[in-house]
Protein backbone atom coordinates (compact mmCIF):
# COMPACT_ATOMS: atom_id res chain seq x y z
CA MET A 1 60.62 -121.31 224.70
CA SER A 2 61.71 -124.84 225.54
CA ILE A 3 59.46 -126.23 222.75
CA LEU A 4 61.12 -123.87 220.27
CA ALA A 5 64.57 -124.94 221.43
CA VAL A 6 63.65 -128.61 221.06
CA THR A 7 62.27 -127.95 217.57
CA LEU A 8 65.30 -126.00 216.40
CA ALA A 9 67.89 -128.42 217.81
CA PRO A 10 67.49 -131.16 215.14
CA ALA A 11 67.46 -128.54 212.41
CA ALA A 12 70.67 -127.02 213.73
CA THR A 13 72.23 -130.48 213.93
CA ARG A 14 71.28 -131.20 210.31
CA ALA A 15 72.67 -127.84 209.28
CA ARG A 16 75.97 -128.68 210.90
CA ARG A 17 76.08 -132.11 209.24
CA ARG A 18 75.32 -130.96 205.71
CA PRO A 19 78.59 -129.09 205.09
CA ARG A 20 80.63 -132.05 206.34
CA PHE A 21 78.70 -134.41 204.07
CA GLY A 22 79.16 -132.01 201.19
CA ARG A 23 82.90 -131.74 201.83
CA GLN A 24 83.19 -135.52 201.73
CA TRP A 25 81.55 -135.68 198.31
CA GLN A 26 83.66 -132.77 197.15
CA GLY A 27 86.83 -134.58 198.19
CA LEU A 28 85.64 -137.73 196.44
CA LEU A 29 85.12 -135.77 193.22
CA TYR A 30 88.68 -134.44 193.44
CA VAL A 31 90.20 -137.93 193.70
CA MET A 32 87.77 -139.53 191.24
CA PRO A 33 90.05 -139.06 188.19
CA ALA A 34 92.88 -140.83 190.01
CA ILE A 35 90.52 -143.62 191.10
CA VAL A 36 89.33 -144.09 187.52
CA LEU A 37 92.89 -144.18 186.16
CA VAL A 38 94.08 -146.67 188.78
CA THR A 39 91.02 -148.85 188.21
CA VAL A 40 91.27 -148.85 184.42
CA PHE A 41 95.04 -149.15 184.08
CA PHE A 42 95.92 -151.26 187.15
CA VAL A 43 93.06 -153.01 188.92
CA VAL A 44 91.26 -154.26 185.80
CA PRO A 45 94.48 -155.48 184.06
CA VAL A 46 95.61 -157.27 187.22
CA LEU A 47 92.25 -159.00 187.61
CA PHE A 48 92.26 -159.97 183.93
CA THR A 49 95.83 -161.29 184.28
CA VAL A 50 94.71 -163.42 187.23
CA TRP A 51 91.87 -164.78 185.09
CA MET A 52 94.25 -165.55 182.21
CA SER A 53 96.64 -167.37 184.56
CA PHE A 54 94.03 -170.09 185.11
CA HIS A 55 93.80 -170.79 181.39
CA ASN A 56 95.83 -172.28 178.59
CA TRP A 57 95.68 -169.03 176.65
CA PRO A 58 97.38 -169.06 173.23
CA LEU A 59 97.82 -165.91 171.19
CA LEU A 60 95.40 -167.26 168.58
CA GLY A 61 92.68 -169.81 169.15
CA GLN A 62 90.40 -170.84 171.98
CA SER A 63 91.53 -170.59 175.59
CA ASN A 64 90.94 -173.52 177.94
CA TRP A 65 90.43 -173.52 181.72
CA ILE A 66 93.23 -175.50 183.39
CA GLY A 67 92.97 -174.30 186.98
CA LEU A 68 96.26 -174.16 188.88
CA GLN A 69 98.31 -176.08 186.33
CA ASN A 70 100.29 -173.00 185.30
CA TYR A 71 101.27 -172.36 188.91
CA VAL A 72 102.19 -176.01 189.47
CA ARG A 73 104.23 -175.98 186.27
CA MET A 74 106.52 -173.18 187.42
CA LEU A 75 107.56 -175.19 190.48
CA THR A 76 109.36 -177.63 188.18
CA ASP A 77 110.36 -175.11 185.51
CA THR A 78 114.15 -175.06 185.87
CA ARG A 79 114.51 -172.10 183.51
CA PHE A 80 112.15 -170.00 185.62
CA LEU A 81 113.93 -171.00 188.82
CA SER A 82 117.25 -170.12 187.18
CA ALA A 83 115.88 -166.73 186.11
CA LEU A 84 114.58 -166.14 189.65
CA SER A 85 117.96 -167.03 191.14
CA PHE A 86 119.82 -164.77 188.71
CA THR A 87 117.41 -161.88 189.40
CA ALA A 88 117.93 -162.24 193.16
CA TYR A 89 121.71 -162.26 192.69
CA TYR A 90 121.58 -159.23 190.39
CA THR A 91 119.27 -157.35 192.79
CA LEU A 92 121.56 -157.99 195.74
CA ILE A 93 124.72 -156.85 193.94
CA VAL A 94 123.20 -153.77 192.31
CA THR A 95 121.45 -152.58 195.48
CA ILE A 96 124.60 -152.88 197.59
CA VAL A 97 126.77 -151.09 195.02
CA ILE A 98 124.24 -148.29 194.46
CA PHE A 99 123.93 -147.54 198.19
CA ALA A 100 127.70 -147.83 198.71
CA ILE A 101 128.20 -145.05 196.12
CA ALA A 102 125.03 -142.96 196.55
CA PHE A 103 125.42 -142.39 200.29
CA PRO A 104 128.94 -140.89 200.08
CA LEU A 105 127.83 -138.79 197.12
CA ALA A 106 124.84 -137.51 199.10
CA LEU A 107 127.10 -136.63 202.05
CA PHE A 108 129.48 -134.88 199.64
CA VAL A 109 126.89 -132.69 197.90
CA GLU A 110 124.94 -132.01 201.12
CA ARG A 111 127.62 -129.68 202.45
CA GLN A 112 127.62 -126.15 201.17
CA ARG A 113 130.82 -125.70 199.22
CA ARG A 114 131.91 -123.92 196.09
CA GLY A 115 130.45 -125.49 192.96
CA VAL A 116 128.18 -127.93 194.82
CA GLU A 117 125.33 -127.23 192.37
CA VAL A 118 127.60 -128.29 189.51
CA TYR A 119 128.47 -131.53 191.29
CA ARG A 120 124.81 -132.29 191.92
CA THR A 121 123.98 -131.68 188.26
CA ILE A 122 126.83 -133.87 187.02
CA PHE A 123 125.92 -136.75 189.33
CA PHE A 124 122.23 -136.53 188.40
CA MET A 125 122.60 -136.11 184.62
CA PRO A 126 122.68 -139.87 183.74
CA VAL A 127 119.27 -140.27 185.40
CA VAL A 128 117.56 -138.26 182.65
CA VAL A 129 118.85 -140.70 180.01
CA GLY A 130 116.37 -143.49 179.27
CA LEU A 131 117.43 -146.97 180.29
CA ALA A 132 117.07 -148.29 176.74
CA THR A 133 119.14 -145.38 175.42
CA ALA A 134 121.79 -145.94 178.08
CA SER A 135 121.91 -149.64 177.20
CA LEU A 136 122.43 -148.88 173.50
CA LEU A 137 125.13 -146.35 174.41
CA TRP A 138 127.01 -148.89 176.49
CA VAL A 139 126.67 -151.55 173.78
CA TRP A 140 128.60 -149.18 171.53
CA LEU A 141 131.13 -148.34 174.25
CA ALA A 142 131.77 -152.05 174.90
CA ASN A 143 132.05 -152.95 171.21
CA VAL A 144 135.29 -154.80 170.59
CA ASP A 145 136.02 -153.02 167.28
CA SER A 146 134.62 -149.49 167.48
CA GLY A 147 133.99 -149.04 171.20
CA LEU A 148 135.86 -146.90 173.68
CA PHE A 149 136.39 -149.33 176.56
CA SER A 150 138.56 -151.86 174.72
CA PRO A 151 141.28 -149.37 173.64
CA VAL A 152 141.29 -147.75 177.09
CA LEU A 153 141.75 -151.12 178.81
CA ARG A 154 144.56 -151.96 176.39
CA MET A 155 146.23 -148.61 177.01
CA LEU A 156 146.03 -149.09 180.79
CA GLY A 157 147.56 -152.55 180.48
CA VAL A 158 144.51 -154.35 181.87
CA THR A 159 144.31 -156.53 178.75
CA GLY A 160 146.91 -157.31 176.13
CA ARG A 161 144.45 -157.46 173.25
CA SER A 162 141.01 -156.21 172.25
CA ALA A 163 138.48 -157.24 174.88
CA ASN A 164 134.88 -158.11 174.14
CA LEU A 165 133.21 -157.09 177.37
CA LEU A 166 129.91 -158.75 176.50
CA ALA A 167 131.30 -162.13 175.40
CA THR A 168 131.58 -163.86 178.78
CA PHE A 169 129.20 -163.96 181.70
CA ASP A 170 131.51 -162.31 184.23
CA ASN A 171 132.52 -159.43 181.94
CA ALA A 172 128.97 -158.88 180.67
CA PHE A 173 127.51 -158.95 184.18
CA LEU A 174 130.12 -156.48 185.44
CA THR A 175 129.49 -154.19 182.46
CA ILE A 176 125.73 -154.19 183.05
CA VAL A 177 126.14 -153.57 186.78
CA VAL A 178 128.45 -150.61 186.11
CA MET A 179 126.01 -149.21 183.54
CA VAL A 180 123.02 -149.52 185.88
CA VAL A 181 124.92 -147.95 188.78
CA TRP A 182 126.04 -145.08 186.51
CA LYS A 183 122.43 -144.62 185.42
CA ILE A 184 120.63 -144.94 188.78
CA VAL A 185 123.04 -143.78 191.48
CA GLY A 186 122.19 -140.10 190.94
CA PHE A 187 118.51 -140.76 191.62
CA THR A 188 119.26 -142.59 194.86
CA MET A 189 121.68 -139.80 195.79
CA ILE A 190 118.90 -137.20 195.45
CA ILE A 191 116.56 -139.24 197.67
CA LEU A 192 119.23 -139.62 200.36
CA LEU A 193 120.15 -135.95 200.01
CA THR A 194 116.55 -135.03 200.76
CA GLY A 195 116.72 -137.08 203.94
CA LEU A 196 120.00 -135.48 204.98
CA GLN A 197 118.64 -131.98 204.46
CA SER A 198 115.58 -132.78 206.60
CA ILE A 199 117.74 -133.41 209.68
CA PRO A 200 117.55 -130.32 211.96
CA ALA A 201 120.84 -128.45 212.06
CA ASP A 202 120.34 -127.84 215.78
CA LEU A 203 120.65 -131.54 216.55
CA THR A 204 123.86 -131.89 214.54
CA GLU A 205 125.34 -128.79 216.19
CA ALA A 206 124.36 -130.00 219.65
CA ALA A 207 126.02 -133.37 219.02
CA ARG A 208 129.16 -131.62 217.78
CA ILE A 209 129.28 -129.43 220.89
CA ASP A 210 128.87 -132.52 223.10
CA GLY A 211 132.03 -133.91 221.52
CA ALA A 212 130.55 -136.46 219.13
CA GLY A 213 132.84 -137.21 216.19
CA ARG A 214 131.77 -137.59 212.56
CA TRP A 215 131.33 -141.34 212.80
CA GLN A 216 129.37 -141.07 216.06
CA ARG A 217 127.08 -138.40 214.59
CA PHE A 218 126.58 -140.49 211.46
CA ARG A 219 125.84 -143.70 213.38
CA HIS A 220 123.72 -142.39 216.25
CA LEU A 221 122.07 -139.35 214.64
CA THR A 222 122.08 -139.41 210.84
CA LEU A 223 121.19 -143.06 210.25
CA PRO A 224 118.29 -143.24 212.76
CA LEU A 225 116.74 -140.00 211.46
CA MET A 226 117.10 -141.18 207.85
CA ARG A 227 115.49 -144.57 208.41
CA ARG A 228 112.37 -143.75 206.41
CA THR A 229 114.32 -142.16 203.57
CA ILE A 230 116.63 -145.16 203.35
CA ALA A 231 113.62 -147.49 203.34
CA LEU A 232 112.07 -145.57 200.44
CA ALA A 233 115.31 -145.64 198.44
CA LEU A 234 115.75 -149.33 199.23
CA ILE A 235 112.23 -150.24 198.09
CA LEU A 236 112.67 -148.32 194.84
CA SER A 237 116.07 -149.89 194.20
CA VAL A 238 114.93 -153.44 194.92
CA THR A 239 111.74 -153.06 192.87
CA GLY A 240 113.63 -151.62 189.90
CA SER A 241 116.23 -154.39 190.03
CA VAL A 242 113.65 -157.18 190.26
CA LEU A 243 111.85 -155.70 187.23
CA ALA A 244 115.07 -155.38 185.20
CA PHE A 245 114.57 -156.14 181.52
CA ASP A 246 115.87 -153.49 179.09
CA GLN A 247 119.58 -153.86 179.85
CA PHE A 248 119.56 -157.65 179.47
CA TYR A 249 117.41 -157.61 176.35
CA ILE A 250 119.41 -154.88 174.58
CA MET A 251 122.97 -155.52 175.74
CA THR A 252 123.20 -159.33 175.83
CA SER A 253 119.86 -160.75 174.60
CA GLY A 254 119.94 -163.03 177.63
CA GLY A 255 123.42 -164.37 176.92
CA PRO A 256 126.06 -165.51 177.15
CA GLN A 257 124.61 -169.05 177.18
CA ASN A 258 121.22 -167.76 178.37
CA ARG A 259 122.70 -167.12 181.82
CA MET A 260 121.51 -163.51 182.03
CA ILE A 261 117.77 -163.98 181.68
CA SER A 262 115.90 -162.10 184.37
CA VAL A 263 112.40 -162.97 185.55
CA VAL A 264 110.79 -160.23 183.46
CA TYR A 265 112.83 -161.32 180.43
CA TYR A 266 111.61 -164.89 180.93
CA ILE A 267 108.01 -163.69 181.23
CA PHE A 268 108.47 -161.76 177.99
CA ASN A 269 109.80 -164.87 176.23
CA GLN A 270 106.97 -167.06 177.45
CA SER A 271 104.27 -164.53 176.62
CA PHE A 272 105.39 -162.92 173.37
CA VAL A 273 107.93 -165.34 171.90
CA SER A 274 106.40 -168.72 172.82
CA PHE A 275 102.88 -167.18 172.88
CA GLN A 276 101.97 -168.93 176.14
CA LEU A 277 100.00 -166.02 177.52
CA GLY A 278 98.37 -168.05 180.29
CA TYR A 279 101.70 -169.24 181.68
CA GLY A 280 103.17 -165.76 181.29
CA SER A 281 100.24 -164.35 183.25
CA ALA A 282 100.81 -166.83 186.07
CA LEU A 283 104.48 -165.87 186.18
CA SER A 284 103.51 -162.19 186.30
CA ILE A 285 101.16 -162.74 189.24
CA VAL A 286 103.86 -164.62 191.14
CA LEU A 287 106.33 -161.80 190.46
CA LEU A 288 103.77 -159.26 191.70
CA GLY A 289 103.36 -161.31 194.87
CA ILE A 290 107.13 -161.38 195.37
CA LEU A 291 107.36 -157.60 195.02
CA VAL A 292 104.48 -157.04 197.45
CA ALA A 293 106.07 -159.43 199.96
CA LEU A 294 109.45 -157.68 199.72
CA SER A 295 107.84 -154.26 200.21
CA VAL A 296 105.79 -155.49 203.19
CA VAL A 297 108.89 -156.99 204.85
CA GLN A 298 110.86 -153.77 204.39
CA LEU A 299 108.01 -151.64 205.76
CA TRP A 300 107.61 -154.04 208.69
CA LEU A 301 111.31 -153.77 209.50
CA LEU A 302 110.96 -149.98 209.32
CA ARG A 303 108.03 -150.06 211.76
CA VAL A 304 109.92 -152.34 214.16
CA GLY A 305 112.88 -149.96 214.03
CA ASP A 306 110.64 -146.98 214.83
CA GLU A 307 109.14 -148.81 217.82
CA LYS A 308 112.59 -149.56 219.17
């Protein structure tokens, strides 16, 4: 009897292991299409871009290995540094304005009131418009002759004559910021609304019974419980702002005086206007590194906040 038990024990062990091994392969088969897509459309292009960045790679002709010269070049490229500075300034302004508007909107539509579904739809509608389409729309609205903004500003007494909102840096920058906020704020509102709705009603009611006012509940209850949601919205907002291209290319073509050239716009010019694909690849890799670093810092701050 003992010999039979010893003989059957390994077989039983193998029988228990086989289903687990089979489930692992089955799970791998389920995710295989995603792995293939990510590999083909992300990993391989990134690796090839890294390879191109070490070359003098013209659009036509033979490429030459130049090592780190493209990366050294960007350290003294004043136009790239100017584009990087402008992108950082644009990202800071747009992110602050979007959160300053999206959070009150999320608090407004989170409460159950008459017509709240209509408000949510109205606030979210600009999100479904493509960024290129929105940029073209606002180019028409800001047109000095046939646009809508110039007559309205004249009627309100803001200006005494027709105003070209895209002629100067300050006016063009303000117009683009307003357009981007109008386009994106509904998306950020929905993300924050999801976080607000995930807060248990029991906690809010308990805080209200204990005598906590609206500001106290918002500061000590809502914000801590929404930390992860805010981090997600912040990462998406910062990433989208750093990668801004369409609005500058369509609305101002980098002007006035080439002062509104973002990093992606500069990469586009170097790669597909000047045909310096190797230098453009190096710039792209540096921009990817900046985005990864920003995301890591934000996630690290989130983790530190959770530990506290």
